[in-house]
Every structure is written in structure tokens, then in C-alpha cells.
Amino acid sequence: MELRKAGLMFFCAAGLAICAMPGASRAQTLGKTVAIDAQDEYAQIEVEPSRSAMERLRSPDAAERSRVIDEVLAQPSRYNPAVLMAMSAAVFEQGKQEQGTFWYILGNTRAVADAQILTDRTAVPGLMTLRAVFGQPLKAYLIAHPDVEWAQTQRAVEWDRAHPVQYDRRWLSLHGMRAVQSALSAQEGQPDGVDEITVPQEKWAAMDEENRQAMLDIARRRFEASTGGQGATAKASPASAGAADQRKP
């Protein structure tokens, strides 16, 4: 995997959206930007190709946005959940509601799993921001189509289980207070004193499976509530690993 010196970029979009950026850490708010270098383990967090994809998804050029969507769809496991959620909103706006729903749920499922392995809980609220920024297009649609949410949640969970991630799962930690403290210590020439960024890796698989089951339970309860408890046992077809099926969930 390609490594880059990691940092932060906070950009305003309905509050705050999240995307890791190489080089210096940047906190942008009310038009002011402070740049500081990450250090130690934070400096080793891989942020490409997710950073580039996120930036290009915000391009005013529709053709460029379409190109990056195609790139992400071709190798979705290479990109962190923020990219999947941003792409889902772009796809949804193209009128592909079920496809957008699938990628949003997959992104959300992986984002929650990635948050759960972090030791710095101050990074976790970033999930609320991602949902607020990229989940808005889906809200009304999912309320009107609970069957789609249930079916696509099953597909997303199956896909997540079958396709190991190829991005650095520590990405969200760059947006917690420990990362900021580490970067400030680096600016002052001091060690950061940060402990492990994540829980031991041998615990990840069990935590990930618990998260998948929780996502299924939430979607099932919503579907049952909308149907009076009927039809929740309906099973969606497994998602194909092929790029063609990824484009048409």
C-alpha cells in the first residue's frame, strides 16, 4: 500500500466533513487555517487514495466526479468509509437510489467498525458529521422505502464480510484530540506521549462481526416496525464481488 505522511483536513460542509490529507495537519474553521505536522504513529497513517478521491468528488466538474466514482466502484475496498459515503450521495443524486443506499450503508458499517477499534474516543463524533453531510439525500427515501434499507443492509453486511479492507483503518483517529495534541507536541519539538491508537488487532475480527450483527438488528427492527412485524425474514441476494454487480446493487 502507498504510504503518505498523514495529517488532517477539516473542511466546512454543513458543519464539518472528514477527509485525511497528507503533509501538514490542517484545522480550518471560520476561514482560518492552522497547519501542523503529525508525528510518530499518526505520521504513518496512510491517507491515499482516499484523500485524493474525496477531493475529486467535490469537483464542480461533473465529468471528473463521474470518473472518480468509476474508480472507486472498481476497487471499493481501497477507499475509507468517508469516500464510500460521499460517493453514495453523488450516486444517489444521479437517480440511482438503491445503489446509493448500498454504498452509504456499507460506508456507515465500516465507519462504525473503524471507530470502535480506536482508543481515542474523541474521534468518534466525526461519524455524526459524516452522516449529517452525506446521509441527507437518503433520509426521506429510506423513510418511504424501508424494504430497500433492509435489503441493502443485508447485502452490505455480506459484502463487508467477504471483502477485507485495503485502506488504513486508523484514518478516523486523525480527527481526534490525541492527534491534535500529537501534532502540537511535534510543533514544539516534544514527544507526543500517545499510547496505542487502536485496540490490539487480534480483537478486530470479533468486534467487526458484532458490529455487522448490530447493523442488521437495527435495520431489521426498523423494517419490522414499518410492516407490523411482517416480512423481516426476507433475504436479499448476496452481493457479487464483480465490479458490474457493485455498480448495480
C-alpha atoms as a PDB file:
ATOM      1  CA  MET A   1       0.000   0.000   0.000  1.00  0.00           C
ATOM      2  CA  GLU A   2       1.133   3.519  -0.771  1.00  0.00           C
ATOM      3  CA  LEU A   3       2.130   5.463   2.342  1.00  0.00           C
ATOM      4  CA  ARG A   4       1.964   9.189   2.844  1.00  0.00           C
ATOM      5  CA  LYS A   5       2.804  11.355   5.820  1.00  0.00           C
ATOM      6  CA  ALA A   6      -0.563  11.845   7.423  1.00  0.00           C
ATOM      7  CA  GLY A   7      -2.332  14.890   8.657  1.00  0.00           C
ATOM      8  CA  LEU A   8      -5.775  16.383   8.944  1.00  0.00           C
ATOM      9  CA  MET A   9      -8.078  18.416   6.842  1.00  0.00           C
ATOM     10  CA  PHE A  10     -11.277  19.734   8.330  1.00  0.00           C
ATOM     11  CA  PHE A  11     -13.487  21.425   5.800  1.00  0.00           C
ATOM     12  CA  CYS A  12     -16.837  23.114   6.353  1.00  0.00           C
ATOM     13  CA  ALA A  13     -19.817  21.419   4.748  1.00  0.00           C
ATOM     14  CA  ALA A  14     -22.999  21.525   6.764  1.00  0.00           C
ATOM     15  CA  GLY A  15     -20.779  21.728   9.801  1.00  0.00           C
ATOM     16  CA  LEU A  16     -17.697  19.581   9.328  1.00  0.00           C
ATOM     17  CA  ALA A  17     -16.809  16.790   6.906  1.00  0.00           C
ATOM     18  CA  ILE A  18     -13.862  14.469   7.310  1.00  0.00           C
ATOM     19  CA  CYS A  19     -11.031  13.594   4.974  1.00  0.00           C
ATOM     20  CA  ALA A  20      -7.414  12.798   5.802  1.00  0.00           C
ATOM     21  CA  MET A  21      -4.801  14.854   3.999  1.00  0.00           C
ATOM     22  CA  PRO A  22      -1.075  14.170   3.623  1.00  0.00           C
ATOM     23  CA  GLY A  23       1.590  16.543   4.840  1.00  0.00           C
ATOM     24  CA  ALA A  24       0.663  19.048   7.497  1.00  0.00           C
ATOM     25  CA  SER A  25      -2.328  18.811   9.772  1.00  0.00           C
ATOM     26  CA  ARG A  26      -4.865  21.484   8.943  1.00  0.00           C
ATOM     27  CA  ALA A  27      -7.778  22.696  11.008  1.00  0.00           C
ATOM     28  CA  GLN A  28      -9.967  25.044   9.009  1.00  0.00           C
ATOM     29  CA  THR A  29     -12.759  26.908  10.746  1.00  0.00           C
ATOM     30  CA  LEU A  30     -14.312  30.329  10.198  1.00  0.00           C
ATOM     31  CA  GLY A  31     -11.867  30.949   7.378  1.00  0.00           C
ATOM     32  CA  LYS A  32      -8.731  30.393   9.458  1.00  0.00           C
ATOM     33  CA  THR A  33      -6.298  27.533   8.868  1.00  0.00           C
ATOM     34  CA  VAL A  34      -3.602  26.273  11.227  1.00  0.00           C
ATOM     35  CA  ALA A  35      -1.024  23.883   9.754  1.00  0.00           C
ATOM     36  CA  ILE A  36       0.971  21.496  11.963  1.00  0.00           C
ATOM     37  CA  ASP A  37       2.847  18.281  11.250  1.00  0.00           C
ATOM     38  CA  ALA A  38       1.731  14.917  12.564  1.00  0.00           C
ATOM     39  CA  GLN A  39       4.323  12.721  14.256  1.00  0.00           C
ATOM     40  CA  ASP A  40       5.065   9.207  15.475  1.00  0.00           C
ATOM     41  CA  GLU A  41       2.321   6.665  14.693  1.00  0.00           C
ATOM     42  CA  TYR A  42      -0.043   9.320  13.402  1.00  0.00           C
ATOM     43  CA  ALA A  43       2.507  10.287  10.764  1.00  0.00           C
ATOM     44  CA  GLN A  44       2.435   6.724   9.423  1.00  0.00           C
ATOM     45  CA  ILE A  45      -1.298   6.575   8.782  1.00  0.00           C
ATOM     46  CA  GLU A  46      -1.973   6.003   5.103  1.00  0.00           C
ATOM     47  CA  VAL A  47      -4.396   8.513   3.615  1.00  0.00           C
ATOM     48  CA  GLU A  48      -4.134   7.844  -0.134  1.00  0.00           C
ATOM     49  CA  PRO A  49      -6.017   7.181  -2.361  1.00  0.00           C
ATOM     50  CA  SER A  50      -8.923   8.235  -0.132  1.00  0.00           C
ATOM     51  CA  ARG A  51      -7.790  11.841   0.258  1.00  0.00           C
ATOM     52  CA  SER A  52      -7.484  12.335  -3.481  1.00  0.00           C
ATOM     53  CA  ALA A  53     -10.827  10.659  -4.195  1.00  0.00           C
ATOM     54  CA  MET A  54     -12.633  12.782  -1.621  1.00  0.00           C
ATOM     55  CA  GLU A  55     -11.185  15.962  -3.080  1.00  0.00           C
ATOM     56  CA  ARG A  56     -12.184  14.967  -6.600  1.00  0.00           C
ATOM     57  CA  LEU A  57     -15.708  14.010  -5.523  1.00  0.00           C
ATOM     58  CA  ARG A  58     -16.135  17.664  -4.542  1.00  0.00           C
ATOM     59  CA  SER A  59     -15.104  18.868  -8.004  1.00  0.00           C
ATOM     60  CA  PRO A  60     -17.557  21.216  -9.778  1.00  0.00           C
ATOM     61  CA  ASP A  61     -16.821  19.220 -12.957  1.00  0.00           C
ATOM     62  CA  ALA A  62     -19.495  16.531 -13.366  1.00  0.00           C
ATOM     63  CA  ALA A  63     -17.268  14.518 -15.704  1.00  0.00           C
ATOM     64  CA  GLU A  64     -14.494  14.458 -13.091  1.00  0.00           C
ATOM     65  CA  ARG A  65     -16.944  13.324 -10.416  1.00  0.00           C
ATOM     66  CA  SER A  66     -18.111  10.524 -12.712  1.00  0.00           C
ATOM     67  CA  ARG A  67     -14.520   9.433 -13.319  1.00  0.00           C
ATOM     68  CA  VAL A  68     -13.715   9.154  -9.624  1.00  0.00           C
ATOM     69  CA  ILE A  69     -16.988   7.316  -8.976  1.00  0.00           C
ATOM     70  CA  ASP A  70     -15.944   4.754 -11.585  1.00  0.00           C
ATOM     71  CA  GLU A  71     -12.507   4.438  -9.959  1.00  0.00           C
ATOM     72  CA  VAL A  72     -13.963   3.879  -6.505  1.00  0.00           C
ATOM     73  CA  LEU A  73     -16.532   1.377  -7.785  1.00  0.00           C
ATOM     74  CA  ALA A  74     -13.753  -0.595  -9.490  1.00  0.00           C
ATOM     75  CA  GLN A  75     -11.837  -1.094  -6.196  1.00  0.00           C
ATOM     76  CA  PRO A  76     -14.095  -0.018  -3.319  1.00  0.00           C
ATOM     77  CA  SER A  77     -12.096  -1.755  -0.583  1.00  0.00           C
ATOM     78  CA  ARG A  78      -9.162   0.602  -1.240  1.00  0.00           C
ATOM     79  CA  TYR A  79     -11.141   3.616  -0.016  1.00  0.00           C
ATOM     80  CA  ASN A  80     -12.058   4.569   3.525  1.00  0.00           C
ATOM     81  CA  PRO A  81     -15.713   4.878   4.603  1.00  0.00           C
ATOM     82  CA  ALA A  82     -15.817   8.662   4.202  1.00  0.00           C
ATOM     83  CA  VAL A  83     -15.212   8.196   0.468  1.00  0.00           C
ATOM     84  CA  LEU A  84     -17.881   5.495   0.175  1.00  0.00           C
ATOM     85  CA  MET A  85     -20.401   7.720   1.916  1.00  0.00           C
ATOM     86  CA  ALA A  86     -19.515  10.724  -0.239  1.00  0.00           C
ATOM     87  CA  MET A  87     -19.759   8.588  -3.357  1.00  0.00           C
ATOM     88  CA  SER A  88     -23.130   7.239  -2.251  1.00  0.00           C
ATOM     89  CA  ALA A  89     -24.527  10.762  -2.109  1.00  0.00           C
ATOM     90  CA  ALA A  90     -23.190  11.503  -5.603  1.00  0.00           C
ATOM     91  CA  VAL A  91     -24.663   8.265  -6.977  1.00  0.00           C
ATOM     92  CA  PHE A  92     -27.981   8.953  -5.257  1.00  0.00           C
ATOM     93  CA  GLU A  93     -28.148  12.359  -6.902  1.00  0.00           C
ATOM     94  CA  GLN A  94     -27.739  10.606 -10.261  1.00  0.00           C
ATOM     95  CA  GLY A  95     -31.061   8.874  -9.582  1.00  0.00           C
ATOM     96  CA  LYS A  96     -29.547   5.514  -8.581  1.00  0.00           C
ATOM     97  CA  GLN A  97     -31.274   5.310  -5.210  1.00  0.00           C
ATOM     98  CA  GLU A  98     -30.723   1.656  -4.391  1.00  0.00           C
ATOM     99  CA  GLN A  99     -27.080   1.793  -5.416  1.00  0.00           C
ATOM    100  CA  GLY A 100     -26.587   4.928  -3.347  1.00  0.00           C
ATOM    101  CA  THR A 101     -28.281   3.259  -0.395  1.00  0.00           C
ATOM    102  CA  PHE A 102     -25.996   0.233  -0.641  1.00  0.00           C
ATOM    103  CA  TRP A 103     -22.784   2.255  -0.638  1.00  0.00           C
ATOM    104  CA  TYR A 104     -23.972   4.538   2.139  1.00  0.00           C
ATOM    105  CA  ILE A 105     -24.839   1.611   4.382  1.00  0.00           C
ATOM    106  CA  LEU A 106     -21.549  -0.116   3.577  1.00  0.00           C
ATOM    107  CA  GLY A 107     -19.647   3.093   4.332  1.00  0.00           C
ATOM    108  CA  ASN A 108     -21.536   3.608   7.570  1.00  0.00           C
ATOM    109  CA  THR A 109     -20.987   0.000   8.634  1.00  0.00           C
ATOM    110  CA  ARG A 110     -17.246   0.267   8.062  1.00  0.00           C
ATOM    111  CA  ALA A 111     -17.025   3.710   9.642  1.00  0.00           C
ATOM    112  CA  VAL A 112     -18.646   2.438  12.852  1.00  0.00           C
ATOM    113  CA  ALA A 113     -16.320  -0.573  12.881  1.00  0.00           C
ATOM    114  CA  ASP A 114     -13.291   1.670  12.377  1.00  0.00           C
ATOM    115  CA  ALA A 115     -14.420   3.958  15.186  1.00  0.00           C
ATOM    116  CA  GLN A 116     -14.846   1.032  17.555  1.00  0.00           C
ATOM    117  CA  ILE A 117     -11.220  -0.078  17.298  1.00  0.00           C
ATOM    118  CA  LEU A 118      -9.879   3.370  18.243  1.00  0.00           C
ATOM    119  CA  THR A 119      -8.621   4.112  21.727  1.00  0.00           C
ATOM    120  CA  ASP A 120      -9.231   7.856  21.321  1.00  0.00           C
ATOM    121  CA  ARG A 121     -12.975   8.239  21.726  1.00  0.00           C
ATOM    122  CA  THR A 122     -12.826  11.953  20.892  1.00  0.00           C
ATOM    123  CA  ALA A 123     -12.520  10.953  17.225  1.00  0.00           C
ATOM    124  CA  VAL A 124     -15.847   9.099  17.237  1.00  0.00           C
ATOM    125  CA  PRO A 125     -18.185  12.144  16.936  1.00  0.00           C
ATOM    126  CA  GLY A 126     -16.842  12.544  13.415  1.00  0.00           C
ATOM    127  CA  LEU A 127     -19.272   9.775  12.459  1.00  0.00           C
ATOM    128  CA  MET A 128     -22.208  12.048  13.231  1.00  0.00           C
ATOM    129  CA  THR A 129     -20.762  14.634  10.889  1.00  0.00           C
ATOM    130  CA  LEU A 130     -20.298  12.144   8.079  1.00  0.00           C
ATOM    131  CA  ARG A 131     -23.897  11.039   8.438  1.00  0.00           C
ATOM    132  CA  ALA A 132     -25.182  14.604   8.582  1.00  0.00           C
ATOM    133  CA  VAL A 133     -23.248  15.648   5.483  1.00  0.00           C
ATOM    134  CA  PHE A 134     -23.644  12.591   3.268  1.00  0.00           C
ATOM    135  CA  GLY A 135     -26.782  10.908   4.621  1.00  0.00           C
ATOM    136  CA  GLN A 136     -29.178  13.775   3.953  1.00  0.00           C
ATOM    137  CA  PRO A 137     -30.114  12.708   0.383  1.00  0.00           C
ATOM    138  CA  LEU A 138     -31.168   9.282   1.650  1.00  0.00           C
ATOM    139  CA  LYS A 139     -33.291  10.270   4.640  1.00  0.00           C
ATOM    140  CA  ALA A 140     -36.664  10.837   3.022  1.00  0.00           C
ATOM    141  CA  TYR A 141     -36.096   7.982   0.565  1.00  0.00           C
ATOM    142  CA  LEU A 142     -35.388   5.426   3.284  1.00  0.00           C
ATOM    143  CA  ILE A 143     -38.382   6.522   5.337  1.00  0.00           C
ATOM    144  CA  ALA A 144     -40.548   5.859   2.286  1.00  0.00           C
ATOM    145  CA  HIS A 145     -38.691   2.649   1.319  1.00  0.00           C
ATOM    146  CA  PRO A 146     -37.833   0.663   4.487  1.00  0.00           C
ATOM    147  CA  ASP A 147     -37.707  -2.514   2.404  1.00  0.00           C
ATOM    148  CA  VAL A 148     -34.773  -1.064   0.445  1.00  0.00           C
ATOM    149  CA  GLU A 149     -32.863  -0.249   3.623  1.00  0.00           C
ATOM    150  CA  TRP A 150     -33.384  -3.773   4.956  1.00  0.00           C
ATOM    151  CA  ALA A 151     -32.399  -5.484   1.701  1.00  0.00           C
ATOM    152  CA  GLN A 152     -29.350  -3.270   1.133  1.00  0.00           C
ATOM    153  CA  THR A 153     -28.209  -3.642   4.740  1.00  0.00           C
ATOM    154  CA  GLN A 154     -28.142  -7.410   4.286  1.00  0.00           C
ATOM    155  CA  ARG A 155     -26.183  -7.022   1.057  1.00  0.00           C
ATOM    156  CA  ALA A 156     -23.773  -4.513   2.598  1.00  0.00           C
ATOM    157  CA  VAL A 157     -23.084  -6.752   5.589  1.00  0.00           C
ATOM    158  CA  GLU A 158     -22.453  -9.742   3.339  1.00  0.00           C
ATOM    159  CA  TRP A 159     -20.189  -7.670   1.087  1.00  0.00           C
ATOM    160  CA  ASP A 160     -18.270  -6.266   4.052  1.00  0.00           C
ATOM    161  CA  ARG A 161     -17.730  -9.736   5.445  1.00  0.00           C
ATOM    162  CA  ALA A 162     -16.470 -11.061   2.082  1.00  0.00           C
ATOM    163  CA  HIS A 163     -14.161  -8.156   1.156  1.00  0.00           C
ATOM    164  CA  PRO A 164     -11.331  -7.292   3.583  1.00  0.00           C
ATOM    165  CA  VAL A 165     -10.450  -3.609   3.750  1.00  0.00           C
ATOM    166  CA  GLN A 166      -7.385  -2.356   1.912  1.00  0.00           C
ATOM    167  CA  TYR A 167      -7.240   1.117   3.488  1.00  0.00           C
ATOM    168  CA  ASP A 168      -5.669   2.179   6.775  1.00  0.00           C
ATOM    169  CA  ARG A 169      -8.352   1.696   9.405  1.00  0.00           C
ATOM    170  CA  ARG A 170      -6.750   4.291  11.664  1.00  0.00           C
ATOM    171  CA  TRP A 171      -7.921   7.119   9.370  1.00  0.00           C
ATOM    172  CA  LEU A 172     -10.569   8.436  11.757  1.00  0.00           C
ATOM    173  CA  SER A 173      -8.056   8.788  14.600  1.00  0.00           C
ATOM    174  CA  LEU A 174      -6.541  11.754  12.747  1.00  0.00           C
ATOM    175  CA  HIS A 175      -9.612  13.746  13.742  1.00  0.00           C
ATOM    176  CA  GLY A 176      -9.463  13.153  17.473  1.00  0.00           C
ATOM    177  CA  MET A 177      -7.900  15.278  20.190  1.00  0.00           C
ATOM    178  CA  ARG A 178      -4.939  12.951  20.601  1.00  0.00           C
ATOM    179  CA  ALA A 179      -3.901  13.584  17.002  1.00  0.00           C
ATOM    180  CA  VAL A 180      -4.143  17.316  17.577  1.00  0.00           C
ATOM    181  CA  GLN A 181      -2.117  17.027  20.781  1.00  0.00           C
ATOM    182  CA  SER A 182       0.469  14.896  18.981  1.00  0.00           C
ATOM    183  CA  ALA A 183       0.789  17.444  16.189  1.00  0.00           C
ATOM    184  CA  LEU A 184       1.095  20.340  18.632  1.00  0.00           C
ATOM    185  CA  SER A 185       3.794  18.449  20.545  1.00  0.00           C
ATOM    186  CA  ALA A 186       5.647  17.920  17.265  1.00  0.00           C
ATOM    187  CA  GLN A 187       5.476  21.638  16.568  1.00  0.00           C
ATOM    188  CA  GLU A 188       7.100  22.259  19.951  1.00  0.00           C
ATOM    189  CA  GLY A 189       9.728  19.555  19.403  1.00  0.00           C
ATOM    190  CA  GLN A 190       8.286  17.372  22.158  1.00  0.00           C
ATOM    191  CA  PRO A 191       7.355  13.659  22.118  1.00  0.00           C
ATOM    192  CA  ASP A 192       3.607  13.141  21.938  1.00  0.00           C
ATOM    193  CA  GLY A 193       3.324  10.547  24.702  1.00  0.00           C
ATOM    194  CA  VAL A 194       0.466   8.851  22.844  1.00  0.00           C
ATOM    195  CA  ASP A 195      -0.286   5.211  23.635  1.00  0.00           C
ATOM    196  CA  GLU A 196      -1.578   2.751  21.035  1.00  0.00           C
ATOM    197  CA  ILE A 197      -4.018   4.305  18.571  1.00  0.00           C
ATOM    198  CA  THR A 198      -6.150   1.154  18.324  1.00  0.00           C
ATOM    199  CA  VAL A 199      -7.078  -1.816  20.453  1.00  0.00           C
ATOM    200  CA  PRO A 200      -4.976  -4.949  19.709  1.00  0.00           C
ATOM    201  CA  GLN A 201      -5.510  -6.107  16.140  1.00  0.00           C
ATOM    202  CA  GLU A 202      -6.372  -9.650  17.220  1.00  0.00           C
ATOM    203  CA  LYS A 203      -9.631  -8.252  18.622  1.00  0.00           C
ATOM    204  CA  TRP A 204     -10.720  -6.585  15.404  1.00  0.00           C
ATOM    205  CA  ALA A 205     -12.414  -9.540  13.694  1.00  0.00           C
ATOM    206  CA  ALA A 206     -14.728 -10.270  16.610  1.00  0.00           C
ATOM    207  CA  MET A 207     -15.555  -6.581  17.041  1.00  0.00           C
ATOM    208  CA  ASP A 208     -16.281  -6.255  13.321  1.00  0.00           C
ATOM    209  CA  GLU A 209     -18.693  -9.192  13.375  1.00  0.00           C
ATOM    210  CA  GLU A 210     -20.502  -7.783  16.403  1.00  0.00           C
ATOM    211  CA  ASN A 211     -20.881  -4.531  14.509  1.00  0.00           C
ATOM    212  CA  ARG A 212     -22.336  -6.299  11.453  1.00  0.00           C
ATOM    213  CA  GLN A 213     -24.892  -8.054  13.607  1.00  0.00           C
ATOM    214  CA  ALA A 214     -25.804  -4.775  15.289  1.00  0.00           C
ATOM    215  CA  MET A 215     -26.336  -3.130  11.888  1.00  0.00           C
ATOM    216  CA  LEU A 216     -28.596  -5.987  10.828  1.00  0.00           C
ATOM    217  CA  ASP A 217     -30.568  -5.800  14.063  1.00  0.00           C
ATOM    218  CA  ILE A 218     -31.161  -2.060  13.695  1.00  0.00           C
ATOM    219  CA  ALA A 219     -32.302  -2.349  10.075  1.00  0.00           C
ATOM    220  CA  ARG A 220     -34.490  -5.359  10.854  1.00  0.00           C
ATOM    221  CA  ARG A 221     -36.221  -3.579  13.727  1.00  0.00           C
ATOM    222  CA  ARG A 222     -36.947  -0.585  11.514  1.00  0.00           C
ATOM    223  CA  PHE A 223     -38.299  -2.818   8.777  1.00  0.00           C
ATOM    224  CA  GLU A 224     -40.470  -4.760  11.212  1.00  0.00           C
ATOM    225  CA  ALA A 225     -41.825  -1.523  12.660  1.00  0.00           C
ATOM    226  CA  SER A 226     -42.777  -0.331   9.180  1.00  0.00           C
ATOM    227  CA  THR A 227     -44.501  -3.590   8.246  1.00  0.00           C
ATOM    228  CA  GLY A 228     -46.099  -4.516  11.545  1.00  0.00           C
ATOM    229  CA  GLY A 229     -43.585  -7.308  12.049  1.00  0.00           C
ATOM    230  CA  GLN A 230     -44.213  -8.908   8.654  1.00  0.00           C
ATOM    231  CA  GLY A 231     -41.611  -9.836   6.069  1.00  0.00           C
ATOM    232  CA  ALA A 232     -38.426  -9.274   8.063  1.00  0.00           C
ATOM    233  CA  THR A 233     -37.178 -12.767   7.240  1.00  0.00           C
ATOM    234  CA  ALA A 234     -36.926 -11.953   3.526  1.00  0.00           C
ATOM    235  CA  LYS A 235     -33.330 -12.452   2.431  1.00  0.00           C
ATOM    236  CA  ALA A 236     -31.553 -10.243  -0.061  1.00  0.00           C
ATOM    237  CA  SER A 237     -29.366 -11.815  -2.715  1.00  0.00           C
ATOM    238  CA  PRO A 238     -25.630 -11.861  -1.858  1.00  0.00           C
ATOM    239  CA  ALA A 239     -23.625  -9.057  -3.389  1.00  0.00           C
ATOM    240  CA  SER A 240     -21.303 -10.082  -6.162  1.00  0.00           C
ATOM    241  CA  ALA A 241     -17.599  -9.343  -5.904  1.00  0.00           C
ATOM    242  CA  GLY A 242     -17.598  -8.287  -9.541  1.00  0.00           C
ATOM    243  CA  ALA A 243     -17.395  -4.636 -10.499  1.00  0.00           C
ATOM    244  CA  ALA A 244     -20.531  -4.951 -12.610  1.00  0.00           C
ATOM    245  CA  ASP A 245     -22.631  -6.020  -9.644  1.00  0.00           C
ATOM    246  CA  GLN A 246     -21.019  -3.364  -7.470  1.00  0.00           C
ATOM    247  CA  ARG A 247     -22.342  -0.797  -9.894  1.00  0.00           C
ATOM    248  CA  LYS A 248     -25.861  -2.260  -9.753  1.00  0.00           C
ATOM    249  CA  PRO A 249     -26.604  -3.255  -6.142  1.00  0.00           C
END
